[in-house]
Amino acid sequence: MPTIRRRKSGKWQVLIRLTGLKTLSRTFTTYAAAKKWALLTETQIDQGDLASGSHVLRRTSLASLLERYRDTVTTTKKSRSKERLLINALLRQPFTRLSLSVLTPQHFAEYRDLRAKTAMASTINHDLGILNQVYRLARSEWSIPVLNPLTGLKRPKADRPRDRRLLAGELDQLLKAADECRNKLVRPIIEFAIETAMRRSEIISIRWENVSQSKQTLHIPITKTDSPRTIPLSERAVSILTAQRSEPDRPFPLTVNSFDMAWKRLIARSGLQNLRFHDLRHEAVSRLFELGLTMPEVALISGHKDPRMLYRYTNLRPEDVGAKMVRLKNLTGL
């Protein structure tokens, strides 16, 4: 039977002693979490998973599971390039070379705390999410009877959403620096992003067959959310595309990596502080709201499915809202 006891720190410790095997121990911040883990583990012991699979756990390292996940699961994802880099970074961590039989929640808590010194909470949670998925698949699909040491592990609080918008004069400053870039696609991409609220990868992937000049629309077949969308194009957006007509297949024929490198040089040259390309999407969405578009209309353009997510990108300027109120008052005469 599991033993649950409260420690001086206020946390709850679960001890499960097995004949001929190492005592299992986990610590939780709440009694409910401790009891849940104890019952789950006891069930697994009754089913014979832990005892019969102990030799498998001793022979299998976390690194081998990460490599298997990278080579069989990550390759099927749209974000495979980014996730492959994250997994390769995890593989450089010494604790991943340990066998599954010796890894404890403490190893992952120490990794979390170490990463917190240099990485954002969203990055750390992404890493922990990959590790959690690896353990889940190991048990459910790879027939490895391993307990998930990340169950109940405290995750860092989500970072405060960015609300960076362009200040007065910053767009001119940015475009002036873009004019000095060797890559002449940088400026039109920036301008197109502000006109359409599109993501960098979506803009770079535009193909001419998806542009309707007659309807002034653009079909985006591949998106971050896996939901294709068709957006209206402003006259300015159409003008930007028209200027790129000499390009045969795509208006902006370059890779994400080459644009990222150009963007870093551009920001350094411009002198702008704390500006990311994704902030232009925030700027664009906010401008759409300031123009008076409704939530559904903005969502049609930006591709947001959850209104709460759309609010994250909305940062209306009080002075602009005030000016709109004055215009409405003048129209109504109230």
Protein backbone atom coordinates (compact mmCIF):
# COMPACT_ATOMS: atom_id res chain seq x y z
CA MET A 1 0.00 0.00 0.00
CA PRO A 2 1.25 3.51 -0.73
CA THR A 3 2.20 5.73 2.17
CA ILE A 4 1.33 9.42 1.91
CA ARG A 5 2.88 11.78 4.42
CA ARG A 6 3.20 15.51 4.79
CA ARG A 7 6.71 16.92 4.91
CA LYS A 8 7.94 19.93 6.89
CA SER A 9 7.91 21.94 3.68
CA GLY A 10 4.14 21.45 3.48
CA LYS A 11 4.38 19.19 0.43
CA TRP A 12 3.02 15.65 0.26
CA GLN A 13 5.33 12.68 -0.29
CA VAL A 14 4.23 9.30 -1.61
CA LEU A 15 6.29 6.20 -0.78
CA ILE A 16 5.63 2.83 -2.41
CA ARG A 17 7.86 -0.01 -1.27
CA LEU A 18 8.22 -2.98 -3.62
CA THR A 19 9.83 -6.27 -2.67
CA GLY A 20 13.13 -6.65 -4.51
CA LEU A 21 12.82 -3.30 -6.24
CA LYS A 22 13.78 0.28 -5.49
CA THR A 23 11.26 2.22 -3.40
CA LEU A 24 9.18 4.59 -5.51
CA SER A 25 8.93 8.13 -4.20
CA ARG A 26 7.21 11.25 -5.49
CA THR A 27 6.49 14.62 -3.90
CA PHE A 28 3.46 16.79 -4.71
CA THR A 29 2.21 20.20 -3.69
CA THR A 30 -1.32 18.94 -2.94
CA TYR A 31 -2.72 15.86 -1.24
CA ALA A 32 -5.14 15.28 -4.13
CA ALA A 33 -2.29 15.06 -6.65
CA ALA A 34 -0.33 12.74 -4.35
CA LYS A 35 -3.31 10.42 -3.91
CA LYS A 36 -4.04 10.36 -7.64
CA TRP A 37 -0.47 9.33 -8.44
CA ALA A 38 -0.43 6.74 -5.65
CA LEU A 39 -3.62 5.07 -6.94
CA LEU A 40 -2.40 5.10 -10.54
CA THR A 41 0.95 3.59 -9.58
CA GLU A 42 -0.70 0.96 -7.39
CA THR A 43 -2.88 -0.08 -10.34
CA GLN A 44 0.18 -0.42 -12.55
CA ILE A 45 1.89 -2.56 -9.92
CA ASP A 46 -1.17 -4.81 -9.67
CA GLN A 47 -1.10 -5.22 -13.45
CA GLY A 48 2.54 -6.25 -13.26
CA ASP A 49 3.83 -3.43 -15.46
CA LEU A 50 6.53 -2.09 -13.16
CA ALA A 51 8.01 -5.34 -11.95
CA SER A 52 8.03 -7.12 -15.33
CA GLY A 53 9.32 -4.07 -17.19
CA SER A 54 12.03 -2.96 -14.79
CA HIS A 55 14.80 -4.42 -16.96
CA VAL A 56 13.43 -2.52 -19.97
CA LEU A 57 13.54 0.74 -18.02
CA ARG A 58 17.13 0.09 -16.96
CA ARG A 59 18.22 -0.50 -20.57
CA THR A 60 16.32 2.42 -22.10
CA SER A 61 17.54 6.00 -21.88
CA LEU A 62 15.40 9.10 -22.25
CA ALA A 63 17.67 10.11 -25.13
CA SER A 64 16.68 7.01 -27.09
CA LEU A 65 13.00 7.88 -26.66
CA LEU A 66 13.60 11.48 -27.74
CA GLU A 67 15.44 10.29 -30.85
CA ARG A 68 12.63 7.88 -31.69
CA TYR A 69 10.05 10.64 -31.24
CA ARG A 70 12.10 13.03 -33.39
CA ASP A 71 12.55 10.50 -36.18
CA THR A 72 9.00 9.10 -36.25
CA VAL A 73 6.63 11.74 -34.88
CA THR A 74 8.29 15.11 -35.40
CA THR A 75 8.86 14.38 -39.09
CA THR A 76 5.08 14.31 -39.64
CA LYS A 77 4.51 17.79 -38.20
CA LYS A 78 4.32 21.06 -40.07
CA SER A 79 6.60 22.61 -37.44
CA ARG A 80 9.12 19.76 -37.74
CA SER A 81 12.15 21.97 -38.37
CA LYS A 82 11.61 23.97 -35.19
CA GLU A 83 10.73 20.94 -33.08
CA ARG A 84 13.76 19.03 -34.36
CA LEU A 85 15.99 21.84 -33.13
CA LEU A 86 14.29 21.80 -29.73
CA ILE A 87 14.71 18.04 -29.37
CA ASN A 88 18.36 18.19 -30.43
CA ALA A 89 18.89 20.84 -27.75
CA LEU A 90 17.25 18.55 -25.19
CA LEU A 91 19.53 15.71 -26.25
CA ARG A 92 22.52 17.83 -25.25
CA GLN A 93 21.26 17.90 -21.67
CA PRO A 94 23.15 15.35 -19.51
CA PHE A 95 20.02 14.05 -17.75
CA THR A 96 18.57 12.72 -21.02
CA ARG A 97 21.36 10.12 -21.16
CA LEU A 98 20.13 8.56 -17.92
CA SER A 99 18.02 5.41 -17.99
CA LEU A 100 14.28 5.63 -17.44
CA SER A 101 14.64 3.63 -14.24
CA VAL A 102 16.59 6.38 -12.45
CA LEU A 103 14.94 9.54 -13.76
CA THR A 104 12.78 11.31 -11.18
CA PRO A 105 10.67 14.49 -11.11
CA GLN A 106 13.64 16.22 -9.50
CA HIS A 107 15.68 15.90 -12.72
CA PHE A 108 12.98 17.71 -14.67
CA ALA A 109 12.41 20.30 -11.95
CA GLU A 110 16.12 21.11 -11.98
CA TYR A 111 16.09 21.38 -15.77
CA ARG A 112 13.05 23.68 -15.60
CA ASP A 113 14.72 25.94 -13.03
CA LEU A 114 17.98 26.04 -14.99
CA ARG A 115 16.20 26.99 -18.20
CA ALA A 116 14.26 29.70 -16.37
CA LYS A 117 17.50 31.69 -16.06
CA THR A 118 17.75 32.21 -19.82
CA ALA A 119 14.47 31.15 -21.48
CA MET A 120 10.91 32.43 -21.53
CA ALA A 121 8.15 30.48 -19.81
CA SER A 122 6.56 29.61 -23.17
CA THR A 123 9.82 28.04 -24.36
CA ILE A 124 10.23 26.02 -21.16
CA ASN A 125 6.63 24.82 -21.29
CA HIS A 126 7.15 23.79 -24.92
CA ASP A 127 10.19 21.71 -23.88
CA LEU A 128 8.27 20.11 -21.01
CA GLY A 129 5.37 19.47 -23.37
CA ILE A 130 7.61 17.51 -25.73
CA LEU A 131 9.01 15.47 -22.84
CA ASN A 132 5.51 14.79 -21.53
CA GLN A 133 4.38 13.63 -24.97
CA VAL A 134 7.40 11.34 -25.28
CA TYR A 135 6.58 9.64 -21.97
CA ARG A 136 2.91 9.33 -22.92
CA LEU A 137 3.72 7.67 -26.25
CA ALA A 138 6.33 5.42 -24.67
CA ARG A 139 3.65 3.92 -22.45
CA SER A 140 0.60 4.00 -24.73
CA GLU A 141 2.15 3.06 -28.09
CA TRP A 142 5.72 1.84 -27.60
CA SER A 143 4.95 -0.76 -24.90
CA ILE A 144 7.41 0.70 -22.40
CA PRO A 145 5.92 0.46 -18.86
CA VAL A 146 7.29 3.76 -17.61
CA LEU A 147 5.68 6.18 -15.17
CA ASN A 148 5.59 9.78 -16.32
CA PRO A 149 7.80 11.83 -13.96
CA LEU A 150 6.35 15.05 -15.38
CA THR A 151 2.88 14.31 -14.00
CA GLY A 152 2.13 16.99 -11.45
CA LEU A 153 5.33 18.90 -12.23
CA LYS A 154 4.73 22.62 -11.76
CA ARG A 155 4.97 24.55 -15.02
CA PRO A 156 6.19 28.15 -15.29
CA LYS A 157 3.45 30.76 -15.47
CA ALA A 158 2.75 31.89 -19.00
CA ASP A 159 4.60 35.01 -20.06
CA ARG A 160 2.62 38.20 -20.20
CA PRO A 161 1.42 38.60 -23.80
CA ARG A 162 3.42 41.11 -25.81
CA ASP A 163 1.63 44.35 -26.53
CA ARG A 164 4.35 46.01 -28.61
CA ARG A 165 3.00 48.42 -31.18
CA LEU A 166 4.80 50.80 -33.48
CA LEU A 167 5.32 54.20 -31.91
CA ALA A 168 5.05 57.45 -33.81
CA GLY A 169 7.76 57.59 -36.47
CA GLU A 170 8.90 53.99 -35.99
CA LEU A 171 7.34 52.69 -39.20
CA ASP A 172 9.15 55.35 -41.22
CA GLN A 173 12.34 54.48 -39.36
CA LEU A 174 11.84 50.79 -40.10
CA LEU A 175 11.08 51.30 -43.79
CA LYS A 176 14.03 53.66 -44.22
CA ALA A 177 16.34 50.98 -42.84
CA ALA A 178 14.63 48.39 -45.08
CA ASP A 179 15.46 50.51 -48.14
CA GLU A 180 19.13 50.01 -47.29
CA CYS A 181 18.84 46.21 -47.28
CA ARG A 182 20.54 44.31 -50.08
CA ASN A 183 17.48 42.08 -50.22
CA LYS A 184 14.84 44.28 -51.84
CA LEU A 185 12.01 41.97 -50.76
CA VAL A 186 12.30 43.01 -47.12
CA ARG A 187 10.44 46.32 -47.43
CA PRO A 188 7.43 45.00 -49.39
CA ILE A 189 7.12 42.07 -46.96
CA ILE A 190 7.01 44.47 -44.01
CA GLU A 191 4.41 46.67 -45.71
CA PHE A 192 2.33 43.65 -46.73
CA ALA A 193 2.40 42.30 -43.16
CA ILE A 194 0.98 45.54 -41.80
CA GLU A 195 -1.72 45.59 -44.49
CA THR A 196 -2.84 41.97 -44.03
CA ALA A 197 -1.91 40.84 -40.48
CA MET A 198 -0.38 37.74 -42.08
CA ARG A 199 2.36 35.71 -40.47
CA ARG A 200 5.86 35.76 -41.91
CA SER A 201 5.69 32.15 -43.14
CA GLU A 202 2.29 32.79 -44.76
CA ILE A 203 3.58 35.81 -46.67
CA ILE A 204 6.67 34.04 -47.92
CA SER A 205 4.55 31.07 -49.06
CA ILE A 206 2.14 33.14 -51.22
CA ARG A 207 1.80 31.80 -54.76
CA TRP A 208 0.30 33.72 -57.65
CA GLU A 209 -2.38 31.10 -58.29
CA ASN A 210 -3.85 31.94 -54.87
CA VAL A 211 -4.24 35.64 -55.66
CA SER A 212 -7.51 36.82 -57.22
CA GLN A 213 -7.05 40.22 -58.82
CA SER A 214 -10.73 40.46 -59.80
CA LYS A 215 -12.05 39.70 -56.31
CA GLN A 216 -9.10 41.35 -54.54
CA THR A 217 -8.68 38.31 -52.30
CA LEU A 218 -5.86 36.01 -51.29
CA HIS A 219 -6.32 32.33 -50.46
CA ILE A 220 -3.96 31.02 -47.77
CA PRO A 221 -3.99 27.20 -48.05
CA ILE A 222 -1.37 26.46 -45.39
CA THR A 223 -1.70 28.16 -42.01
CA LYS A 224 -0.41 27.73 -38.48
CA THR A 225 -3.84 26.52 -37.34
CA ASP A 226 -4.23 24.07 -40.27
CA SER A 227 -7.37 25.96 -41.32
CA PRO A 228 -7.10 27.48 -44.81
CA ARG A 229 -8.60 30.95 -45.15
CA THR A 230 -9.32 33.52 -47.82
CA ILE A 231 -8.78 37.15 -46.92
CA PRO A 232 -9.76 40.43 -48.57
CA LEU A 233 -6.92 42.60 -49.83
CA SER A 234 -6.80 46.35 -49.37
CA GLU A 235 -5.89 48.54 -52.32
CA ARG A 236 -2.46 49.03 -50.77
CA ALA A 237 -1.97 45.25 -50.42
CA VAL A 238 -2.94 44.75 -54.08
CA SER A 239 -0.51 47.48 -55.08
CA ILE A 240 2.33 45.80 -53.17
CA LEU A 241 1.63 42.48 -54.91
CA THR A 242 1.32 44.12 -58.32
CA ALA A 243 4.79 45.59 -57.91
CA GLN A 244 6.11 42.03 -57.50
CA ARG A 245 4.56 40.68 -60.73
CA SER A 246 7.98 40.17 -62.31
CA GLU A 247 8.49 37.24 -59.95
CA PRO A 248 7.23 34.11 -61.78
CA ASP A 249 5.87 31.83 -59.06
CA ARG A 250 5.81 33.69 -55.76
CA PRO A 251 5.68 37.42 -55.02
CA PHE A 252 8.28 37.02 -52.28
CA PRO A 253 10.65 34.21 -53.37
CA LEU A 254 12.91 33.71 -50.38
CA THR A 255 13.19 31.34 -47.43
CA VAL A 256 12.14 31.97 -43.85
CA ASN A 257 15.76 31.61 -42.75
CA SER A 258 17.06 34.17 -45.25
CA PHE A 259 14.35 36.63 -44.22
CA ASP A 260 15.10 36.10 -40.53
CA MET A 261 18.76 36.92 -41.13
CA ALA A 262 17.81 40.04 -43.10
CA TRP A 263 15.40 41.08 -40.34
CA LYS A 264 18.08 40.83 -37.65
CA ARG A 265 20.43 43.01 -39.67
CA LEU A 266 17.59 45.43 -40.39
CA ILE A 267 16.69 45.87 -36.71
CA ALA A 268 20.32 46.41 -35.78
CA ARG A 269 20.63 49.04 -38.51
CA SER A 270 17.36 50.78 -37.65
CA GLY A 271 18.14 51.28 -33.98
CA LEU A 272 14.62 50.19 -33.00
CA GLN A 273 14.36 48.51 -29.62
CA ASN A 274 12.51 45.30 -28.76
CA LEU A 275 10.75 44.92 -32.09
CA ARG A 276 9.96 41.50 -33.56
CA PHE A 277 8.45 40.79 -36.93
CA HIS A 278 5.44 39.17 -35.24
CA ASP A 279 4.75 42.54 -33.59
CA LEU A 280 3.71 43.76 -37.04
CA ARG A 281 0.82 41.27 -36.92
CA HIS A 282 -0.18 42.78 -33.57
CA GLU A 283 0.04 46.23 -35.13
CA ALA A 284 -2.04 45.18 -38.13
CA VAL A 285 -4.82 43.59 -36.06
CA SER A 286 -5.00 46.65 -33.81
CA ARG A 287 -5.27 48.92 -36.86
CA LEU A 288 -8.13 46.82 -38.23
CA PHE A 289 -10.06 47.34 -35.01
CA GLU A 290 -9.28 51.04 -35.08
CA LEU A 291 -10.76 51.19 -38.58
CA GLY A 292 -14.02 50.00 -37.06
CA LEU A 293 -14.03 46.36 -38.20
CA THR A 294 -15.98 43.94 -36.02
CA MET A 295 -14.51 40.96 -34.21
CA PRO A 296 -15.75 38.44 -36.86
CA GLU A 297 -14.41 40.65 -39.66
CA VAL A 298 -10.98 40.91 -38.07
CA ALA A 299 -10.97 37.16 -37.34
CA LEU A 300 -11.70 36.48 -41.03
CA ILE A 301 -8.52 38.34 -41.94
CA SER A 302 -6.24 37.24 -39.10
CA GLY A 303 -7.41 33.63 -38.93
CA HIS A 304 -8.00 33.58 -35.18
CA LYS A 305 -10.55 30.96 -34.08
CA ASP A 306 -10.70 31.91 -30.41
CA PRO A 307 -11.79 35.50 -29.61
CA ARG A 308 -9.64 35.37 -26.48
CA MET A 309 -6.58 34.82 -28.63
CA LEU A 310 -7.61 37.70 -30.85
CA TYR A 311 -7.82 39.99 -27.82
CA ARG A 312 -4.16 39.26 -27.14
CA TYR A 313 -3.23 40.98 -30.37
CA THR A 314 -5.56 43.91 -29.82
CA ASN A 315 -4.07 47.01 -28.29
CA LEU A 316 -6.22 49.99 -29.14
CA ARG A 317 -4.78 53.42 -28.54
CA PRO A 318 -7.04 55.39 -26.14
CA GLU A 319 -6.60 58.58 -28.17
CA ASP A 320 -7.83 56.82 -31.33
CA VAL A 321 -10.89 55.45 -29.53
CA GLY A 322 -11.55 58.92 -28.15
CA ALA A 323 -11.39 60.44 -31.63
CA LYS A 324 -13.84 57.82 -32.87
CA MET A 325 -16.25 58.70 -30.04
CA VAL A 326 -16.08 62.36 -31.07
CA ARG A 327 -16.88 61.43 -34.70
CA LEU A 328 -19.85 59.32 -33.60
CA LYS A 329 -21.13 62.14 -31.41
CA ASN A 330 -20.92 64.57 -34.31
CA LEU A 331 -22.82 62.15 -36.55
CA THR A 332 -25.61 61.52 -34.06
CA GLY A 333 -25.76 65.06 -32.72
CA LEU A 334 -26.15 63.74 -29.17
